[in-house]
Amino acid sequence: MGKGKVYIVGAGPGDAELITIKGKRAIEEADIIFYDRLVNKQLLTYAKQQATFIYAGKKPNYHAIKQEALNELLVNHAKRGKVVTRLKGGDPFIYGRGGEEALVLAQHQIPFEIVPGITAGIAATAYAGIPVTHRNISNSFTVMTGHDEQIEKMNWSQYAQSDQTLVIYMGMKNLQRIVEQLLLAGQNPNMPIAVIQWGTTDTQRTVSSTLAHILSHPETKELSNPAVIVIGEVVRLQQHLQWFTTSQYEEPLLELHVK
């Protein structure tokens, strides 16, 4: 039996309509689909009737399938001539470990394709009415992880003294530490910040405030992962551009001033 193929596909951040045409085709062609926790299950309805679904989701301190075992399964199924689709939330190359899986496939000479997806850092913010860049306000943005081991290692001063937008994934557990590090690095306490939970889904919820007050906001305490944290002057635009959900504000943000 000849080798099969593996598609490593970004399913987008939650809204099923944000899947790409190529991503949808990879689902339709698959004999086996390994799907993650944050993948909209509606996307699985595009699969052919005889397709096999295998849950490979991850939560903090829990993996349905250990990464090493998952890598081996992708290789083994492809060697048996199967078309395998590895369906990931967001984009597979942005905190999705898609690169790790592709390296294993390459080492075993398994044909594969990477199908990019829309990542939460630009999609959840857009659905909340926050452009990560905006002329005369922010001309760049930085994406970073909020995992424990990274917080104190980062040079926060380069962000505190910049006009860029910060987009932080997986940071809810460490929100207090992130805020403290930015303030210690000299960031303005009145810098706007937004936390967007379940972005682009029907349960999306956004809480906006300032660095000085976000932790005391009663709504913040109700938020949990999956969530994206956005810090920067562009958050002020939300008051004018929000279109998808009603956001929760601790207090009106300062008036927007375009340079």
Protein backbone atom coordinates (compact mmCIF):
# COMPACT_ATOMS: atom_id res chain seq x y z
CA MET A 1 0.00 0.00 0.00
CA GLY A 2 1.37 3.40 -0.93
CA LYS A 3 1.87 6.20 1.53
CA GLY A 4 -1.05 8.40 2.39
CA LYS A 5 -0.91 12.06 3.18
CA VAL A 6 -1.37 14.35 6.17
CA TYR A 7 -3.03 17.75 6.11
CA ILE A 8 -2.20 19.98 9.07
CA VAL A 9 -5.12 22.38 9.05
CA GLY A 10 -5.98 25.54 10.93
CA ALA A 11 -9.71 25.51 11.69
CA GLY A 12 -9.86 29.13 12.78
CA PRO A 13 -10.75 30.50 16.22
CA GLY A 14 -14.32 29.26 16.64
CA ASP A 15 -16.71 30.66 14.08
CA ALA A 16 -17.21 27.77 11.65
CA GLU A 17 -17.52 30.15 8.71
CA LEU A 18 -13.90 31.25 9.17
CA ILE A 19 -12.53 27.95 7.83
CA THR A 20 -10.68 28.40 4.54
CA ILE A 21 -11.84 26.72 1.34
CA LYS A 22 -8.69 24.60 1.34
CA GLY A 23 -9.22 23.64 4.97
CA LYS A 24 -12.76 22.52 4.21
CA ARG A 25 -11.49 20.40 1.31
CA ALA A 26 -8.93 18.74 3.60
CA ILE A 27 -11.77 17.75 5.95
CA GLU A 28 -13.83 16.40 3.05
CA GLU A 29 -10.97 14.26 1.74
CA ALA A 30 -9.87 12.80 5.07
CA ASP A 31 -10.14 9.16 6.04
CA ILE A 32 -9.16 10.03 9.61
CA ILE A 33 -9.51 13.37 11.39
CA PHE A 34 -7.64 14.18 14.59
CA TYR A 35 -9.36 17.26 16.01
CA ASP A 36 -8.56 19.60 18.90
CA ARG A 37 -10.67 20.89 21.78
CA LEU A 38 -11.31 24.35 20.34
CA VAL A 39 -12.34 23.17 16.89
CA ASN A 40 -15.98 23.98 16.08
CA LYS A 41 -17.63 20.56 15.83
CA GLN A 42 -19.80 21.84 12.98
CA LEU A 43 -16.73 21.53 10.77
CA LEU A 44 -16.74 17.77 11.25
CA THR A 45 -20.03 17.56 9.35
CA TYR A 46 -18.07 18.28 6.15
CA ALA A 47 -16.31 14.91 6.46
CA LYS A 48 -17.35 11.93 4.38
CA GLN A 49 -19.65 9.43 6.04
CA GLN A 50 -17.02 6.74 6.53
CA ALA A 51 -14.41 9.08 8.08
CA THR A 52 -13.03 8.26 11.53
CA PHE A 53 -12.87 11.02 14.17
CA ILE A 54 -10.26 10.95 16.94
CA TYR A 55 -10.27 13.57 19.69
CA ALA A 56 -6.80 14.94 20.39
CA GLY A 57 -7.68 17.97 22.51
CA LYS A 58 -5.50 19.53 25.18
CA LYS A 59 -6.37 21.29 28.41
CA PRO A 60 -3.99 22.59 31.08
CA ASN A 61 -2.42 19.51 32.69
CA TYR A 62 -4.42 17.15 30.46
CA HIS A 63 -3.77 15.82 26.95
CA ALA A 64 -6.25 13.39 25.42
CA ILE A 65 -3.31 11.99 23.44
CA LYS A 66 0.28 12.75 24.40
CA GLN A 67 2.05 14.69 21.65
CA GLU A 68 4.63 11.98 21.01
CA ALA A 69 1.90 9.35 20.66
CA LEU A 70 -0.08 11.63 18.36
CA ASN A 71 2.96 12.13 16.13
CA GLU A 72 3.33 8.36 15.87
CA LEU A 73 -0.34 7.92 14.99
CA LEU A 74 -0.11 10.46 12.18
CA VAL A 75 2.87 8.63 10.73
CA ASN A 76 1.38 5.15 11.10
CA HIS A 77 -1.97 6.01 9.53
CA ALA A 78 -0.28 7.75 6.61
CA LYS A 79 2.00 4.76 6.05
CA ARG A 80 -1.13 2.62 5.76
CA GLY A 81 -2.24 4.78 2.84
CA LYS A 82 -4.77 6.91 4.72
CA VAL A 83 -5.50 10.58 4.13
CA VAL A 84 -5.19 12.15 7.57
CA THR A 85 -6.35 15.63 8.54
CA ARG A 86 -4.94 17.10 11.72
CA LEU A 87 -7.52 19.78 12.58
CA LYS A 88 -6.32 22.48 14.95
CA GLY A 89 -7.94 25.56 16.41
CA GLY A 90 -6.66 28.83 15.00
CA ASP A 91 -3.50 28.50 12.93
CA PRO A 92 -1.32 25.37 13.22
CA PHE A 93 1.92 27.36 13.31
CA ILE A 94 0.86 29.83 16.03
CA TYR A 95 1.13 28.00 19.36
CA GLY A 96 -0.40 24.98 17.65
CA ARG A 97 2.62 22.62 17.58
CA GLY A 98 2.02 22.17 13.88
CA GLY A 99 5.70 22.65 13.21
CA GLU A 100 6.59 19.77 15.53
CA GLU A 101 4.16 17.44 13.81
CA ALA A 102 5.36 18.48 10.35
CA LEU A 103 8.99 17.81 11.32
CA VAL A 104 8.13 14.26 12.37
CA LEU A 105 6.27 13.69 9.11
CA ALA A 106 9.23 15.04 7.14
CA GLN A 107 11.62 12.75 9.01
CA HIS A 108 9.49 9.77 7.98
CA GLN A 109 9.13 11.08 4.41
CA ILE A 110 5.35 11.35 4.75
CA PRO A 111 3.75 13.77 2.26
CA PHE A 112 2.04 16.63 4.07
CA GLU A 113 0.50 20.04 3.50
CA ILE A 114 0.12 22.95 5.90
CA VAL A 115 -3.21 24.74 5.60
CA PRO A 116 -3.05 28.06 7.47
CA GLY A 117 -5.97 29.17 9.61
CA ILE A 118 -7.16 32.46 11.03
CA THR A 119 -5.59 32.88 14.44
CA ALA A 120 -7.47 34.16 17.50
CA GLY A 121 -5.08 37.07 17.96
CA ILE A 122 -6.46 38.86 14.92
CA ALA A 123 -9.91 37.24 14.72
CA ALA A 124 -11.12 37.59 18.31
CA THR A 125 -9.86 41.17 18.37
CA ALA A 126 -11.63 41.97 15.10
CA TYR A 127 -14.89 40.50 16.41
CA ALA A 128 -14.47 42.66 19.52
CA GLY A 129 -13.98 45.76 17.38
CA ILE A 130 -10.25 46.11 18.10
CA PRO A 131 -7.90 46.40 15.10
CA VAL A 132 -4.44 45.25 16.14
CA THR A 133 -2.95 47.93 13.89
CA HIS A 134 -4.45 51.31 13.04
CA ARG A 135 -2.94 54.27 11.24
CA ASN A 136 -1.43 56.84 13.60
CA ILE A 137 -2.18 54.67 16.64
CA SER A 138 -0.28 51.39 16.27
CA ASN A 139 1.83 50.34 13.29
CA SER A 140 2.81 46.91 14.61
CA PHE A 141 1.71 44.16 16.94
CA THR A 142 3.47 41.45 18.92
CA VAL A 143 2.04 38.03 19.63
CA MET A 144 3.30 36.28 22.75
CA THR A 145 2.46 33.47 25.12
CA GLY A 146 1.39 34.02 28.71
CA HIS A 147 2.65 30.66 29.99
CA ASP A 148 4.23 30.53 33.44
CA GLU A 149 7.79 29.88 32.39
CA GLN A 150 7.88 32.85 30.02
CA ILE A 151 6.61 35.71 32.18
CA GLU A 152 9.73 36.69 34.10
CA LYS A 153 12.07 35.84 31.21
CA MET A 154 10.63 38.46 28.90
CA ASN A 155 12.03 41.95 28.44
CA TRP A 156 8.83 43.82 29.26
CA SER A 157 10.47 47.23 28.94
CA GLN A 158 10.61 46.88 25.15
CA TYR A 159 6.82 46.61 25.15
CA ALA A 160 6.11 49.17 27.87
CA GLN A 161 7.93 51.90 25.97
CA SER A 162 6.40 51.12 22.59
CA ASP A 163 3.29 52.14 20.67
CA GLN A 164 2.78 48.62 19.41
CA THR A 165 -0.14 46.37 20.33
CA LEU A 166 0.45 43.33 22.54
CA VAL A 167 -1.63 40.21 21.92
CA ILE A 168 -1.17 37.53 24.57
CA TYR A 169 -2.34 33.94 24.21
CA MET A 170 -2.90 31.55 27.12
CA GLY A 171 -2.41 34.28 29.69
CA MET A 172 -5.49 34.26 31.90
CA LYS A 173 -3.84 32.29 34.68
CA ASN A 174 -1.05 34.86 34.76
CA LEU A 175 -3.01 38.03 34.06
CA GLN A 176 -1.97 39.59 37.36
CA ARG A 177 1.70 38.83 36.75
CA ILE A 178 1.51 40.21 33.21
CA VAL A 179 -0.06 43.45 34.42
CA GLU A 180 2.50 43.75 37.23
CA GLN A 181 5.44 43.19 34.88
CA LEU A 182 4.23 45.86 32.45
CA LEU A 183 3.68 48.39 35.23
CA LEU A 184 7.10 47.62 36.74
CA ALA A 185 8.61 48.15 33.28
CA GLY A 186 7.11 51.64 33.13
CA GLN A 187 3.91 51.16 31.19
CA ASN A 188 1.25 53.83 31.70
CA PRO A 189 -1.35 52.58 34.23
CA ASN A 190 -4.02 54.11 32.00
CA MET A 191 -3.02 51.97 29.04
CA PRO A 192 -6.17 50.21 27.75
CA ILE A 193 -6.46 46.44 27.99
CA ALA A 194 -9.12 44.02 26.83
CA VAL A 195 -9.71 40.36 27.64
CA ILE A 196 -11.69 38.45 25.01
CA GLN A 197 -13.08 35.06 25.97
CA TRP A 198 -14.32 32.49 23.42
CA GLY A 199 -13.62 34.92 20.59
CA THR A 200 -15.75 34.72 17.41
CA THR A 201 -18.25 32.33 19.02
CA ASP A 202 -21.79 32.91 20.23
CA THR A 203 -20.45 33.01 23.78
CA GLN A 204 -17.78 35.64 23.11
CA ARG A 205 -17.36 38.00 26.04
CA THR A 206 -15.09 41.03 26.24
CA VAL A 207 -14.04 43.03 29.27
CA SER A 208 -12.13 46.26 28.70
CA SER A 209 -10.49 48.59 31.17
CA THR A 210 -7.01 49.92 31.94
CA LEU A 211 -3.94 48.19 33.33
CA ALA A 212 -4.55 49.91 36.66
CA HIS A 213 -8.11 48.61 37.01
CA ILE A 214 -8.55 45.43 34.95
CA LEU A 215 -7.76 43.14 37.90
CA SER A 216 -10.38 44.77 40.13
CA HIS A 217 -13.09 44.63 37.47
CA PRO A 218 -15.78 42.23 38.77
CA GLU A 219 -16.34 40.84 35.26
CA THR A 220 -12.66 39.91 34.90
CA LYS A 221 -12.93 37.42 37.73
CA GLU A 222 -15.56 35.52 35.73
CA LEU A 223 -13.35 35.05 32.67
CA SER A 224 -11.22 32.01 31.96
CA ASN A 225 -9.47 30.32 29.06
CA PRO A 226 -9.75 30.25 26.14
CA ALA A 227 -9.12 33.97 26.08
CA VAL A 228 -6.91 36.50 24.33
CA ILE A 229 -5.46 39.53 26.13
CA VAL A 230 -4.96 42.71 24.08
CA ILE A 231 -3.00 45.69 25.38
CA GLY A 232 -2.57 48.97 23.53
CA GLU A 233 -4.13 52.24 22.48
CA VAL A 234 -6.12 50.42 19.78
CA VAL A 235 -8.39 49.04 22.51
CA ARG A 236 -9.98 52.50 22.71
CA LEU A 237 -11.37 51.97 19.22
CA GLN A 238 -13.63 49.24 20.55
CA GLN A 239 -16.09 51.83 21.82
CA HIS A 240 -16.62 52.90 18.22
CA LEU A 241 -16.12 49.65 16.30
CA GLN A 242 -17.63 46.86 18.37
CA TRP A 243 -20.20 45.05 16.26
CA PHE A 244 -20.41 41.46 17.43
CA THR A 245 -21.14 41.51 21.16
CA THR A 246 -21.84 43.96 23.94
CA SER A 247 -18.66 44.39 25.95
CA GLN A 248 -18.34 45.03 29.66
CA TYR A 249 -16.55 48.18 30.78
CA GLU A 250 -15.41 49.06 34.25
CA GLU A 251 -15.38 52.72 33.26
CA PRO A 252 -15.39 54.66 29.99
CA LEU A 253 -11.95 54.57 28.42
CA LEU A 254 -10.28 57.89 27.76
CA GLU A 255 -11.19 59.74 24.61
CA LEU A 256 -9.50 58.43 21.49
CA HIS A 257 -6.85 60.80 20.14
CA VAL A 258 -5.50 60.02 16.67
CA LYS A 259 -2.06 61.44 16.02
